[in-house]
Amino acid sequence: MKSKIACVILFSTSLIFPFTTAAEESASKTYFNAGMMSLSMDSLNDLKGTGITIDDEATVLNFGVGYNVSPNLALEAGLLTEDEISASVASGLSGTINGKAYTVNASATVKAKSNNTYLLGVKYSSANDSPINFNVKVGQMFWDIDYIASLSGTLTYNGTTYSVTQDLEFDSAKGNDPYFGFGMTYDLNDTASFDLGYFASEIHGDDISGFTLAYVSKF
């Protein structure tokens, strides 16, 4: 009887130890990432024309957290900080009003300002023994954008110069759209890696895309 009890204890121990090891390994499946994203936005492409300069490039910070539900699949949530693109036109106008001369020297700018943007999705990675792994990301992006017109310059009328400065928010929108991305990670060690990727989505019906570089740390 004692020998049977000993055998049962031994067998039970052999089952418990591997399970405990797996639980300890799963403790490092949560990770945090922080980095930068260089974006190109088409939000002001409707304004393209002669004499109009469009700056459609923006750099934002990106932060995220993820949890590996399996070696290949992870749930992710992220944040992109606010960014801004602009279209500007410089113009000079002169003439007479009521027989008195006037000159307008002013620059007009239209800005598309994207506020903090949130991401929620999944990531599938190759998760092999190599330090280099490839991944694909899909999910939903929740955005909030404002459109602002600015006028800055001077008006000279009948020999007197006046300063003119005005900002006007003429439109805004909120919504969400699917996003897609792919990239690769390079493991520095068991708990740290670099992630390089490509990202694409839409904001208010206009394309947005760019490249990301982030540091990833497991904890």
N, C-alpha and C. Protein backbone atom coordinates (compact mmCIF):
# COMPACT_ATOMS: atom_id res chain seq x y z
N MET A 1 0.84 -1.21 0.00
CA MET A 1 0.00 0.00 0.00
C MET A 1 0.87 1.25 0.00
N LYS A 2 1.90 1.26 0.86
CA LYS A 2 2.78 2.43 0.92
C LYS A 2 3.45 2.67 -0.43
N SER A 3 3.83 1.56 -1.10
CA SER A 3 4.50 1.72 -2.39
C SER A 3 3.54 2.29 -3.43
N LYS A 4 2.24 1.94 -3.34
CA LYS A 4 1.25 2.48 -4.28
C LYS A 4 1.04 3.97 -4.03
N ILE A 5 0.98 4.33 -2.74
CA ILE A 5 0.82 5.76 -2.40
C ILE A 5 2.00 6.57 -2.93
N ALA A 6 3.20 6.00 -2.75
CA ALA A 6 4.41 6.68 -3.23
C ALA A 6 4.37 6.87 -4.74
N CYS A 7 3.88 5.83 -5.44
CA CYS A 7 3.78 5.91 -6.90
C CYS A 7 2.79 7.00 -7.33
N VAL A 8 1.64 7.07 -6.62
CA VAL A 8 0.63 8.09 -6.93
C VAL A 8 1.19 9.49 -6.71
N ILE A 9 1.91 9.67 -5.57
CA ILE A 9 2.51 10.97 -5.26
C ILE A 9 3.52 11.35 -6.34
N LEU A 10 4.34 10.38 -6.75
CA LEU A 10 5.36 10.62 -7.76
C LEU A 10 4.73 11.02 -9.09
N PHE A 11 3.66 10.29 -9.46
CA PHE A 11 2.96 10.56 -10.72
C PHE A 11 2.30 11.94 -10.69
N SER A 12 1.67 12.27 -9.55
CA SER A 12 1.02 13.58 -9.40
C SER A 12 2.04 14.70 -9.48
N THR A 13 3.20 14.48 -8.87
CA THR A 13 4.25 15.49 -8.91
C THR A 13 4.73 15.75 -10.32
N SER A 14 4.82 14.67 -11.11
CA SER A 14 5.29 14.82 -12.49
C SER A 14 4.29 15.61 -13.32
N LEU A 15 2.99 15.58 -12.97
CA LEU A 15 1.99 16.36 -13.68
C LEU A 15 1.99 17.82 -13.24
N ILE A 16 2.19 18.04 -11.96
CA ILE A 16 2.13 19.40 -11.41
C ILE A 16 3.31 20.25 -11.85
N PHE A 17 4.52 19.66 -11.86
CA PHE A 17 5.70 20.45 -12.17
C PHE A 17 5.67 21.04 -13.58
N PRO A 18 5.32 20.28 -14.65
CA PRO A 18 5.24 20.90 -15.97
C PRO A 18 4.19 22.00 -16.03
N PHE A 19 3.04 21.77 -15.35
CA PHE A 19 1.99 22.79 -15.34
C PHE A 19 2.47 24.07 -14.69
N THR A 20 3.21 23.95 -13.61
CA THR A 20 3.75 25.11 -12.92
C THR A 20 4.73 25.87 -13.79
N THR A 21 5.56 25.11 -14.52
CA THR A 21 6.53 25.74 -15.40
C THR A 21 5.83 26.54 -16.49
N ALA A 22 4.76 25.98 -17.06
CA ALA A 22 4.01 26.68 -18.10
C ALA A 22 3.39 27.95 -17.55
N ALA A 23 2.89 27.89 -16.32
CA ALA A 23 2.29 29.08 -15.71
C ALA A 23 3.32 30.15 -15.50
N GLU A 24 4.55 29.74 -15.10
CA GLU A 24 5.60 30.72 -14.89
C GLU A 24 6.00 31.36 -16.21
N GLU A 25 6.01 30.56 -17.30
CA GLU A 25 6.40 31.10 -18.59
C GLU A 25 5.34 32.09 -19.10
N SER A 26 4.07 31.82 -18.78
CA SER A 26 3.01 32.69 -19.27
C SER A 26 3.03 34.06 -18.61
N ALA A 27 3.79 34.21 -17.53
CA ALA A 27 3.85 35.49 -16.83
C ALA A 27 4.46 36.58 -17.70
N SER A 28 5.24 36.23 -18.72
CA SER A 28 5.90 37.23 -19.56
C SER A 28 5.19 37.43 -20.89
N LYS A 29 3.93 37.05 -21.00
CA LYS A 29 3.21 37.17 -22.27
C LYS A 29 2.58 38.54 -22.47
N THR A 30 2.61 39.39 -21.47
CA THR A 30 2.14 40.76 -21.62
C THR A 30 3.33 41.64 -22.01
N TYR A 31 3.12 42.54 -22.97
CA TYR A 31 4.22 43.38 -23.42
C TYR A 31 3.73 44.81 -23.65
N PHE A 32 4.69 45.73 -23.61
CA PHE A 32 4.44 47.15 -23.82
C PHE A 32 5.34 47.64 -24.94
N ASN A 33 4.84 48.53 -25.79
CA ASN A 33 5.69 49.09 -26.84
C ASN A 33 5.55 50.60 -26.90
N ALA A 34 6.63 51.25 -27.27
CA ALA A 34 6.65 52.71 -27.41
C ALA A 34 7.56 53.06 -28.57
N GLY A 35 7.13 53.98 -29.41
CA GLY A 35 7.95 54.33 -30.55
C GLY A 35 7.42 55.52 -31.31
N MET A 36 7.79 55.60 -32.60
CA MET A 36 7.40 56.71 -33.46
C MET A 36 6.80 56.16 -34.75
N MET A 37 5.93 56.97 -35.35
CA MET A 37 5.30 56.60 -36.62
C MET A 37 5.38 57.79 -37.57
N SER A 38 5.90 57.56 -38.76
CA SER A 38 5.96 58.60 -39.79
C SER A 38 4.79 58.37 -40.75
N LEU A 39 3.86 59.34 -40.80
CA LEU A 39 2.61 59.16 -41.52
C LEU A 39 2.49 60.09 -42.72
N SER A 40 1.77 59.61 -43.72
CA SER A 40 1.35 60.43 -44.85
C SER A 40 -0.17 60.41 -44.88
N MET A 41 -0.80 61.62 -44.90
CA MET A 41 -2.25 61.73 -44.84
C MET A 41 -2.78 62.46 -46.08
N ASP A 42 -3.91 61.98 -46.62
CA ASP A 42 -4.51 62.58 -47.81
C ASP A 42 -5.69 63.49 -47.47
N SER A 43 -5.78 63.94 -46.23
CA SER A 43 -6.96 64.68 -45.78
C SER A 43 -7.19 66.00 -46.51
N LEU A 44 -6.13 66.61 -47.07
CA LEU A 44 -6.26 67.91 -47.73
C LEU A 44 -5.98 67.85 -49.22
N ASN A 45 -6.00 66.66 -49.80
CA ASN A 45 -5.69 66.52 -51.22
C ASN A 45 -6.70 67.22 -52.13
N ASP A 46 -7.92 67.46 -51.63
CA ASP A 46 -8.92 68.16 -52.43
C ASP A 46 -8.50 69.60 -52.74
N LEU A 47 -7.55 70.13 -51.98
CA LEU A 47 -7.12 71.52 -52.16
C LEU A 47 -5.96 71.67 -53.14
N LYS A 48 -5.48 70.57 -53.68
CA LYS A 48 -4.32 70.64 -54.58
C LYS A 48 -4.62 71.56 -55.76
N GLY A 49 -3.64 72.42 -56.06
CA GLY A 49 -3.79 73.33 -57.19
C GLY A 49 -2.61 74.27 -57.28
N THR A 50 -2.62 75.12 -58.29
CA THR A 50 -1.53 76.06 -58.52
C THR A 50 -1.43 77.06 -57.37
N GLY A 51 -0.21 77.24 -56.86
CA GLY A 51 0.01 78.21 -55.79
C GLY A 51 -0.31 77.71 -54.41
N ILE A 52 -0.73 76.46 -54.28
CA ILE A 52 -1.06 75.89 -52.97
C ILE A 52 -0.01 74.86 -52.59
N THR A 53 0.53 75.02 -51.40
CA THR A 53 1.55 74.08 -50.90
C THR A 53 0.93 73.21 -49.82
N ILE A 54 1.02 71.90 -50.00
CA ILE A 54 0.45 70.95 -49.05
C ILE A 54 1.57 70.19 -48.35
N ASP A 55 1.57 70.24 -47.04
CA ASP A 55 2.49 69.44 -46.22
C ASP A 55 1.67 68.30 -45.62
N ASP A 56 1.78 67.11 -46.23
CA ASP A 56 0.93 65.99 -45.81
C ASP A 56 1.68 64.95 -44.99
N GLU A 57 2.85 65.32 -44.47
CA GLU A 57 3.64 64.40 -43.66
C GLU A 57 3.55 64.79 -42.19
N ALA A 58 3.49 63.79 -41.32
CA ALA A 58 3.43 64.04 -39.88
C ALA A 58 4.13 62.91 -39.14
N THR A 59 4.71 63.23 -38.01
CA THR A 59 5.36 62.24 -37.15
C THR A 59 4.66 62.23 -35.80
N VAL A 60 4.24 61.05 -35.37
CA VAL A 60 3.52 60.92 -34.10
C VAL A 60 4.22 59.89 -33.22
N LEU A 61 3.90 59.96 -31.94
CA LEU A 61 4.35 58.93 -31.01
C LEU A 61 3.27 57.86 -30.92
N ASN A 62 3.70 56.62 -30.77
CA ASN A 62 2.73 55.54 -30.60
C ASN A 62 3.09 54.70 -29.38
N PHE A 63 2.05 54.36 -28.62
CA PHE A 63 2.20 53.54 -27.41
C PHE A 63 1.18 52.40 -27.48
N GLY A 64 1.56 51.26 -26.94
CA GLY A 64 0.63 50.14 -26.99
C GLY A 64 0.93 49.09 -25.94
N VAL A 65 -0.04 48.22 -25.74
CA VAL A 65 0.10 47.09 -24.84
C VAL A 65 -0.52 45.88 -25.53
N GLY A 66 0.07 44.71 -25.29
CA GLY A 66 -0.43 43.49 -25.92
C GLY A 66 -0.37 42.31 -24.98
N TYR A 67 -1.14 41.29 -25.34
CA TYR A 67 -1.15 40.06 -24.54
C TYR A 67 -1.19 38.87 -25.50
N ASN A 68 -0.20 37.98 -25.36
CA ASN A 68 -0.11 36.79 -26.20
C ASN A 68 -1.07 35.71 -25.69
N VAL A 69 -2.14 35.47 -26.44
CA VAL A 69 -3.06 34.40 -26.06
C VAL A 69 -2.52 33.05 -26.52
N SER A 70 -1.55 33.07 -27.44
CA SER A 70 -0.84 31.87 -27.88
C SER A 70 0.52 32.33 -28.40
N PRO A 71 1.43 31.41 -28.70
CA PRO A 71 2.74 31.84 -29.22
C PRO A 71 2.65 32.67 -30.49
N ASN A 72 1.58 32.49 -31.29
CA ASN A 72 1.46 33.20 -32.56
C ASN A 72 0.46 34.35 -32.55
N LEU A 73 -0.48 34.36 -31.62
CA LEU A 73 -1.58 35.32 -31.66
C LEU A 73 -1.59 36.20 -30.42
N ALA A 74 -1.76 37.52 -30.64
CA ALA A 74 -1.79 38.47 -29.52
C ALA A 74 -2.93 39.46 -29.71
N LEU A 75 -3.50 39.89 -28.59
CA LEU A 75 -4.46 40.99 -28.58
C LEU A 75 -3.71 42.28 -28.28
N GLU A 76 -4.03 43.37 -29.00
CA GLU A 76 -3.29 44.62 -28.84
C GLU A 76 -4.23 45.82 -28.72
N ALA A 77 -3.81 46.80 -27.94
CA ALA A 77 -4.48 48.09 -27.84
C ALA A 77 -3.40 49.17 -27.94
N GLY A 78 -3.71 50.26 -28.64
CA GLY A 78 -2.67 51.27 -28.83
C GLY A 78 -3.21 52.69 -28.90
N LEU A 79 -2.28 53.63 -28.86
CA LEU A 79 -2.59 55.07 -28.90
C LEU A 79 -1.61 55.75 -29.84
N LEU A 80 -2.12 56.59 -30.75
CA LEU A 80 -1.31 57.47 -31.58
C LEU A 80 -1.57 58.90 -31.12
N THR A 81 -0.51 59.65 -30.85
CA THR A 81 -0.69 61.03 -30.39
C THR A 81 -1.17 61.90 -31.55
N GLU A 82 -1.65 63.10 -31.21
CA GLU A 82 -2.23 63.99 -32.22
C GLU A 82 -1.20 64.44 -33.24
N ASP A 83 -1.67 64.70 -34.46
CA ASP A 83 -0.79 65.17 -35.53
C ASP A 83 -1.55 66.19 -36.37
N GLU A 84 -0.83 66.83 -37.29
CA GLU A 84 -1.41 67.93 -38.06
C GLU A 84 -0.76 68.03 -39.42
N ILE A 85 -1.55 68.19 -40.46
CA ILE A 85 -1.03 68.50 -41.79
C ILE A 85 -1.68 69.81 -42.24
N SER A 86 -1.10 70.45 -43.26
CA SER A 86 -1.59 71.78 -43.63
C SER A 86 -1.47 72.02 -45.13
N ALA A 87 -2.29 72.95 -45.61
CA ALA A 87 -2.21 73.47 -46.98
C ALA A 87 -2.18 74.99 -46.87
N SER A 88 -1.23 75.64 -47.55
CA SER A 88 -1.09 77.09 -47.41
C SER A 88 -0.98 77.75 -48.78
N VAL A 89 -1.44 79.00 -48.82
CA VAL A 89 -1.33 79.81 -50.03
C VAL A 89 -0.98 81.24 -49.62
N ALA A 90 0.05 81.79 -50.24
CA ALA A 90 0.43 83.17 -49.97
C ALA A 90 -0.06 84.03 -51.14
N SER A 91 -0.70 85.15 -50.82
CA SER A 91 -1.26 85.98 -51.89
C SER A 91 -1.10 87.45 -51.58
N GLY A 92 -1.03 88.25 -52.63
CA GLY A 92 -1.01 89.69 -52.49
C GLY A 92 -2.13 90.27 -53.34
N LEU A 93 -2.86 91.19 -52.79
CA LEU A 93 -4.01 91.77 -53.49
C LEU A 93 -4.01 93.28 -53.25
N SER A 94 -4.26 94.05 -54.31
CA SER A 94 -4.31 95.51 -54.15
C SER A 94 -5.37 96.09 -55.08
N GLY A 95 -5.82 97.29 -54.74
CA GLY A 95 -6.84 97.96 -55.54
C GLY A 95 -7.32 99.21 -54.83
N THR A 96 -8.53 99.62 -55.15
CA THR A 96 -9.10 100.80 -54.50
C THR A 96 -10.52 100.49 -54.02
N ILE A 97 -10.87 101.06 -52.88
CA ILE A 97 -12.22 101.01 -52.34
C ILE A 97 -12.63 102.43 -51.99
N ASN A 98 -13.74 102.89 -52.57
CA ASN A 98 -14.20 104.27 -52.33
C ASN A 98 -13.12 105.29 -52.69
N GLY A 99 -12.37 104.95 -53.74
CA GLY A 99 -11.34 105.87 -54.20
C GLY A 99 -10.08 105.88 -53.36
N LYS A 100 -9.99 104.98 -52.41
CA LYS A 100 -8.80 104.92 -51.55
C LYS A 100 -8.08 103.61 -51.78
N ALA A 101 -6.77 103.66 -51.79
CA ALA A 101 -5.96 102.48 -52.10
C ALA A 101 -5.91 101.51 -50.93
N TYR A 102 -5.89 100.22 -51.28
CA TYR A 102 -5.70 99.19 -50.25
C TYR A 102 -4.75 98.13 -50.78
N THR A 103 -4.06 97.49 -49.86
CA THR A 103 -3.18 96.37 -50.19
C THR A 103 -3.34 95.30 -49.12
N VAL A 104 -3.53 94.07 -49.56
CA VAL A 104 -3.64 92.95 -48.63
C VAL A 104 -2.45 92.03 -48.83
N ASN A 105 -1.71 91.82 -47.78
CA ASN A 105 -0.60 90.85 -47.77
C ASN A 105 -0.88 89.85 -46.65
N ALA A 106 -1.38 88.71 -47.03
CA ALA A 106 -1.80 87.73 -46.02
C ALA A 106 -1.56 86.32 -46.55
N SER A 107 -1.38 85.41 -45.62
CA SER A 107 -1.26 83.99 -45.97
C SER A 107 -2.41 83.24 -45.33
N ALA A 108 -3.01 82.37 -46.11
CA ALA A 108 -4.12 81.56 -45.62
C ALA A 108 -3.66 80.11 -45.49
N THR A 109 -4.06 79.49 -44.39
CA THR A 109 -3.67 78.10 -44.14
C THR A 109 -4.88 77.29 -43.70
N VAL A 110 -5.00 76.11 -44.26
CA VAL A 110 -6.02 75.16 -43.83
C VAL A 110 -5.31 73.97 -43.20
N LYS A 111 -5.72 73.62 -41.98
CA LYS A 111 -5.08 72.52 -41.26
C LYS A 111 -6.08 71.40 -41.00
N ALA A 112 -5.58 70.18 -41.09
CA ALA A 112 -6.34 69.00 -40.65
C ALA A 112 -5.62 68.46 -39.43
N LYS A 113 -6.25 68.58 -38.26
CA LYS A 113 -5.63 68.18 -37.00
C LYS A 113 -6.30 66.93 -36.48
N SER A 114 -5.54 65.86 -36.44
CA SER A 114 -6.04 64.60 -35.91
C SER A 114 -5.70 64.52 -34.42
N ASN A 115 -6.71 64.38 -33.59
CA ASN A 115 -6.50 64.27 -32.15
C ASN A 115 -6.06 62.84 -31.80
N ASN A 116 -5.86 62.56 -30.52
CA ASN A 116 -5.41 61.23 -30.12
C ASN A 116 -6.28 60.15 -30.77
N THR A 117 -5.61 59.16 -31.35
CA THR A 117 -6.27 58.09 -32.08
C THR A 117 -6.02 56.77 -31.35
N TYR A 118 -7.05 55.92 -31.27
CA TYR A 118 -6.94 54.67 -30.50
C TYR A 118 -7.08 53.46 -31.43
N LEU A 119 -6.31 52.43 -31.11
CA LEU A 119 -6.28 51.20 -31.90
C LEU A 119 -6.66 50.00 -31.04
N LEU A 120 -7.40 49.08 -31.63
CA LEU A 120 -7.76 47.84 -30.96
C LEU A 120 -7.77 46.74 -32.00
N GLY A 121 -6.92 45.70 -31.80
CA GLY A 121 -6.84 44.67 -32.81
C GLY A 121 -6.08 43.44 -32.37
N VAL A 122 -5.67 42.65 -33.37
CA VAL A 122 -4.93 41.41 -33.12
C VAL A 122 -3.66 41.40 -33.97
N LYS A 123 -2.68 40.65 -33.51
CA LYS A 123 -1.42 40.49 -34.24
C LYS A 123 -1.10 39.01 -34.36
N TYR A 124 -0.77 38.58 -35.56
CA TYR A 124 -0.32 37.21 -35.80
C TYR A 124 1.16 37.26 -36.17
N SER A 125 1.99 36.51 -35.48
CA SER A 125 3.43 36.52 -35.74
C SER A 125 3.95 35.11 -35.99
N SER A 126 5.10 35.03 -36.67
CA SER A 126 5.68 33.73 -37.00
C SER A 126 6.18 33.00 -35.76
N ALA A 127 6.65 33.72 -34.75
CA ALA A 127 7.04 33.16 -33.45
C ALA A 127 7.91 31.91 -33.57
N ASN A 128 9.03 32.03 -34.29
CA ASN A 128 9.95 30.89 -34.39
C ASN A 128 11.15 31.10 -33.47
N ASP A 129 12.11 30.19 -33.54
CA ASP A 129 13.27 30.26 -32.64
C ASP A 129 14.29 31.30 -33.09
N SER A 130 14.13 31.85 -34.28
CA SER A 130 15.04 32.86 -34.79
C SER A 130 14.81 34.19 -34.08
N PRO A 131 15.83 35.03 -33.93
CA PRO A 131 15.62 36.35 -33.32
C PRO A 131 14.76 37.27 -34.19
N ILE A 132 14.61 36.93 -35.47
CA ILE A 132 13.79 37.73 -36.39
C ILE A 132 12.46 37.04 -36.62
N ASN A 133 11.36 37.77 -36.37
CA ASN A 133 10.02 37.24 -36.59
C ASN A 133 9.20 38.23 -37.40
N PHE A 134 8.28 37.70 -38.19
CA PHE A 134 7.42 38.53 -39.03
C PHE A 134 6.00 38.51 -38.49
N ASN A 135 5.26 39.61 -38.71
CA ASN A 135 3.92 39.69 -38.15
C ASN A 135 2.95 40.43 -39.07
N VAL A 136 1.68 40.19 -38.85
CA VAL A 136 0.59 40.88 -39.54
C VAL A 136 -0.39 41.37 -38.48
N LYS A 137 -0.88 42.62 -38.65
CA LYS A 137 -1.80 43.20 -37.68
C LYS A 137 -3.07 43.68 -38.38
N VAL A 138 -4.21 43.43 -37.75
CA VAL A 138 -5.50 43.96 -38.23
C VAL A 138 -6.31 44.41 -37.03
N GLY A 139 -7.19 45.38 -37.25
CA GLY A 139 -8.02 45.84 -36.15
C GLY A 139 -8.84 47.04 -36.56
N GLN A 140 -9.29 47.80 -35.56
CA GLN A 140 -10.13 48.97 -35.78
C GLN A 140 -9.45 50.20 -35.19
N MET A 141 -9.47 51.31 -35.94
CA MET A 141 -8.88 52.57 -35.50
C MET A 141 -10.00 53.57 -35.22
N PHE A 142 -9.96 54.20 -34.05
CA PHE A 142 -10.98 55.16 -33.63
C PHE A 142 -10.36 56.57 -33.67
N TRP A 143 -10.85 57.42 -34.58
CA TRP A 143 -10.21 58.71 -34.85
C TRP A 143 -11.14 59.88 -34.56
N ASP A 144 -10.51 61.07 -34.48
CA ASP A 144 -11.21 62.33 -34.18
C ASP A 144 -10.41 63.43 -34.87
N ILE A 145 -11.03 64.14 -35.83
CA ILE A 145 -10.27 65.11 -36.63
C ILE A 145 -10.99 66.46 -36.68
N ASP A 146 -10.19 67.54 -36.65
CA ASP A 146 -10.70 68.91 -36.76
C ASP A 146 -10.09 69.58 -37.98
N TYR A 147 -10.88 70.42 -38.66
CA TYR A 147 -10.40 71.20 -39.80
C TYR A 147 -10.42 72.67 -39.42
N ILE A 148 -9.26 73.33 -39.54
CA ILE A 148 -9.09 74.70 -39.06
C ILE A 148 -8.54 75.58 -40.17
N ALA A 149 -9.15 76.73 -40.39
CA ALA A 149 -8.66 77.71 -41.36
C ALA A 149 -8.04 78.88 -40.60
N SER A 150 -6.86 79.32 -41.05
CA SER A 150 -6.15 80.43 -40.41
C SER A 150 -5.83 81.49 -41.45
N LEU A 151 -5.95 82.75 -41.04
CA LEU A 151 -5.58 83.88 -41.88
C LEU A 151 -4.66 84.78 -41.08
N SER A 152 -3.51 85.09 -41.65
CA SER A 152 -2.55 85.93 -40.94
C SER A 152 -1.87 86.88 -41.93
N GLY A 153 -1.88 88.18 -41.63
CA GLY A 153 -1.23 89.13 -42.51
C GLY A 153 -1.59 90.56 -42.17
N THR A 154 -1.46 91.45 -43.17
CA THR A 154 -1.74 92.88 -42.96
C THR A 154 -2.65 93.42 -44.06
N LEU A 155 -3.41 94.42 -43.67
CA LEU A 155 -4.25 95.18 -44.60
C LEU A 155 -3.85 96.65 -44.49
N THR A 156 -3.44 97.21 -45.62
CA THR A 156 -3.10 98.63 -45.65
C THR A 156 -4.20 99.37 -46.42
N TYR A 157 -4.84 100.30 -45.75
CA TYR A 157 -5.97 101.03 -46.35
C TYR A 157 -5.80 102.52 -46.11
N ASN A 158 -5.73 103.26 -47.21
CA ASN A 158 -5.58 104.71 -47.15
C ASN A 158 -4.36 105.12 -46.32
N GLY A 159 -3.28 104.33 -46.47
CA GLY A 159 -2.03 104.65 -45.79
C GLY A 159 -1.90 104.10 -44.39
N THR A 160 -2.94 103.49 -43.86
CA THR A 160 -2.90 102.93 -42.51
C THR A 160 -2.86 101.40 -42.60
N THR A 161 -1.96 100.78 -41.83
CA THR A 161 -1.78 99.32 -41.87
C THR A 161 -2.44 98.67 -40.66
N TYR A 162 -3.20 97.63 -40.93
CA TYR A 162 -3.89 96.88 -39.88
C TYR A 162 -3.41 95.42 -39.92
N SER A 163 -3.27 94.84 -38.74
CA SER A 163 -2.92 93.41 -38.65
C SER A 163 -4.21 92.58 -38.63
N VAL A 164 -4.20 91.50 -39.38
CA VAL A 164 -5.37 90.62 -39.45
C VAL A 164 -4.93 89.20 -39.08
N THR A 165 -5.51 88.66 -38.02
CA THR A 165 -5.21 87.28 -37.61
C THR A 165 -6.52 86.63 -37.17
N GLN A 166 -6.82 85.47 -37.74
CA GLN A 166 -8.07 84.80 -37.40
C GLN A 166 -7.93 83.29 -37.60
N ASP A 167 -8.45 82.53 -36.65
CA ASP A 167 -8.52 81.07 -36.74
C ASP A 167 -9.97 80.65 -36.65
N LEU A 168 -10.36 79.71 -37.50
CA LEU A 168 -11.75 79.25 -37.52
C LEU A 168 -11.80 77.74 -37.72
N GLU A 169 -12.42 77.05 -36.78
CA GLU A 169 -12.66 75.61 -36.96
C GLU A 169 -13.96 75.46 -37.74
N PHE A 170 -13.85 75.05 -39.00
CA PHE A 170 -15.02 75.02 -39.87
C PHE A 170 -15.62 73.63 -40.05
N ASP A 171 -14.96 72.60 -39.54
CA ASP A 171 -15.52 71.26 -39.65
C ASP A 171 -14.81 70.33 -38.67
N SER A 172 -15.47 69.25 -38.28
CA SER A 172 -14.86 68.23 -37.43
C SER A 172 -15.62 66.93 -37.64
N ALA A 173 -14.98 65.82 -37.30
CA ALA A 173 -15.62 64.52 -37.48
C ALA A 173 -14.99 63.50 -36.55
N LYS A 174 -15.79 62.50 -36.19
CA LYS A 174 -15.32 61.37 -35.41
C LYS A 174 -15.80 60.09 -36.09
N GLY A 175 -15.02 59.02 -35.93
CA GLY A 175 -15.44 57.76 -36.52
C GLY A 175 -14.43 56.67 -36.28
N ASN A 176 -14.58 55.57 -36.99
CA ASN A 176 -13.63 54.46 -36.88
C ASN A 176 -13.55 53.74 -38.21
N ASP A 177 -12.38 53.20 -38.49
CA ASP A 177 -12.12 52.47 -39.73
C ASP A 177 -11.17 51.32 -39.45
N PRO A 178 -11.22 50.28 -40.28
CA PRO A 178 -10.27 49.18 -40.12
C PRO A 178 -8.84 49.64 -40.39
N TYR A 179 -7.89 49.00 -39.75
CA TYR A 179 -6.49 49.23 -40.07
C TYR A 179 -5.81 47.90 -40.37
N PHE A 180 -4.69 48.01 -41.09
CA PHE A 180 -3.91 46.84 -41.48
C PHE A 180 -2.44 47.19 -41.36
N GLY A 181 -1.65 46.23 -40.96
CA GLY A 181 -0.22 46.45 -40.85
C GLY A 181 0.57 45.16 -40.95
N PHE A 182 1.83 45.30 -41.26
CA PHE A 182 2.73 44.14 -41.27
C PHE A 182 4.13 44.62 -40.94
N GLY A 183 4.97 43.71 -40.47
CA GLY A 183 6.31 44.12 -40.10
C GLY A 183 7.15 42.97 -39.60
N MET A 184 8.22 43.35 -38.93
CA MET A 184 9.14 42.35 -38.39
C MET A 184 9.67 42.82 -37.05
N THR A 185 10.04 41.87 -36.19
CA THR A 185 10.65 42.19 -34.90
C THR A 185 12.02 41.54 -34.81
N TYR A 186 12.91 42.21 -34.11
CA TYR A 186 14.23 41.65 -33.86
C TYR A 186 14.42 41.56 -32.35
N ASP A 187 14.60 40.34 -31.85
CA ASP A 187 14.74 40.12 -30.41
C ASP A 187 16.14 40.48 -29.93
N LEU A 188 16.21 41.40 -28.98
CA LEU A 188 17.49 41.73 -28.35
C LEU A 188 17.84 40.70 -27.28
N ASN A 189 16.81 40.24 -26.56
CA ASN A 189 16.95 39.19 -25.56
C ASN A 189 15.56 38.61 -25.31
N ASP A 190 15.37 37.90 -24.23
CA ASP A 190 14.09 37.24 -23.96
C ASP A 190 12.97 38.22 -23.62
N THR A 191 13.32 39.44 -23.22
CA THR A 191 12.28 40.38 -22.78
C THR A 191 12.24 41.68 -23.58
N ALA A 192 13.11 41.88 -24.55
CA ALA A 192 13.16 43.14 -25.28
C ALA A 192 13.40 42.90 -26.77
N SER A 193 12.78 43.76 -27.59
CA SER A 193 12.94 43.65 -29.04
C SER A 193 12.62 44.98 -29.70
N PHE A 194 13.01 45.10 -30.98
CA PHE A 194 12.64 46.24 -31.81
C PHE A 194 11.63 45.78 -32.85
N ASP A 195 10.65 46.65 -33.13
CA ASP A 195 9.61 46.33 -34.09
C ASP A 195 9.60 47.38 -35.20
N LEU A 196 9.71 46.92 -36.45
CA LEU A 196 9.66 47.80 -37.61
C LEU A 196 8.48 47.37 -38.47
N GLY A 197 7.60 48.32 -38.84
CA GLY A 197 6.41 47.90 -39.56
C GLY A 197 5.82 48.96 -40.45
N TYR A 198 4.78 48.55 -41.18
CA TYR A 198 4.01 49.42 -42.07
C TYR A 198 2.56 49.44 -41.59
N PHE A 199 1.91 50.60 -41.69
CA PHE A 199 0.56 50.78 -41.16
C PHE A 199 -0.29 51.51 -42.20
N ALA A 200 -1.56 51.10 -42.36
CA ALA A 200 -2.46 51.76 -43.31
C ALA A 200 -3.89 51.73 -42.78
N SER A 201 -4.61 52.85 -42.99
CA SER A 201 -6.01 52.94 -42.59
C SER A 201 -6.65 54.13 -43.32
N GLU A 202 -7.76 54.62 -42.79
CA GLU A 202 -8.43 55.80 -43.32
C GLU A 202 -8.90 56.69 -42.17
N ILE A 203 -8.94 58.00 -42.45
CA ILE A 203 -9.55 58.96 -41.53
C ILE A 203 -10.51 59.83 -42.34
N HIS A 204 -11.78 59.78 -42.02
CA HIS A 204 -12.80 60.58 -42.68
C HIS A 204 -12.81 60.34 -44.19
N GLY A 205 -12.62 59.10 -44.60
CA GLY A 205 -12.64 58.74 -46.01
C GLY A 205 -11.35 58.98 -46.77
N ASP A 206 -10.31 59.47 -46.08
CA ASP A 206 -9.02 59.75 -46.72
C ASP A 206 -7.96 58.78 -46.22
N ASP A 207 -7.08 58.38 -47.12
CA ASP A 207 -6.05 57.39 -46.79
C ASP A 207 -5.02 57.96 -45.82
N ILE A 208 -4.54 57.10 -44.95
CA ILE A 208 -3.44 57.41 -44.05
C ILE A 208 -2.54 56.18 -43.99
N SER A 209 -1.23 56.39 -44.11
CA SER A 209 -0.30 55.26 -44.11
C SER A 209 1.07 55.74 -43.65
N GLY A 210 1.91 54.79 -43.25
CA GLY A 210 3.25 55.17 -42.81
C GLY A 210 4.01 54.01 -42.22
N PHE A 211 5.20 54.33 -41.72
CA PHE A 211 6.10 53.33 -41.16
C PHE A 211 6.29 53.57 -39.66
N THR A 212 6.48 52.50 -38.93
CA THR A 212 6.61 52.59 -37.48
C THR A 212 7.91 51.93 -37.01
N LEU A 213 8.44 52.48 -35.95
CA LEU A 213 9.60 51.90 -35.27
C LEU A 213 9.34 51.97 -33.77
N ALA A 214 9.40 50.84 -33.09
CA ALA A 214 9.05 50.83 -31.68
C ALA A 214 9.96 49.88 -30.89
N TYR A 215 10.11 50.19 -29.62
CA TYR A 215 10.80 49.31 -28.68
C TYR A 215 9.75 48.53 -27.91
N VAL A 216 9.93 47.21 -27.84
CA VAL A 216 8.96 46.34 -27.21
C VAL A 216 9.60 45.68 -25.97
N SER A 217 8.87 45.73 -24.85
CA SER A 217 9.39 45.14 -23.62
C SER A 217 8.33 44.25 -22.99
N LYS A 218 8.69 43.02 -22.64
CA LYS A 218 7.78 42.11 -21.96
C LYS A 218 7.87 42.34 -20.45
N PHE A 219 6.74 42.18 -19.78
CA PHE A 219 6.76 42.33 -18.31
C PHE A 219 5.72 41.40 -17.69
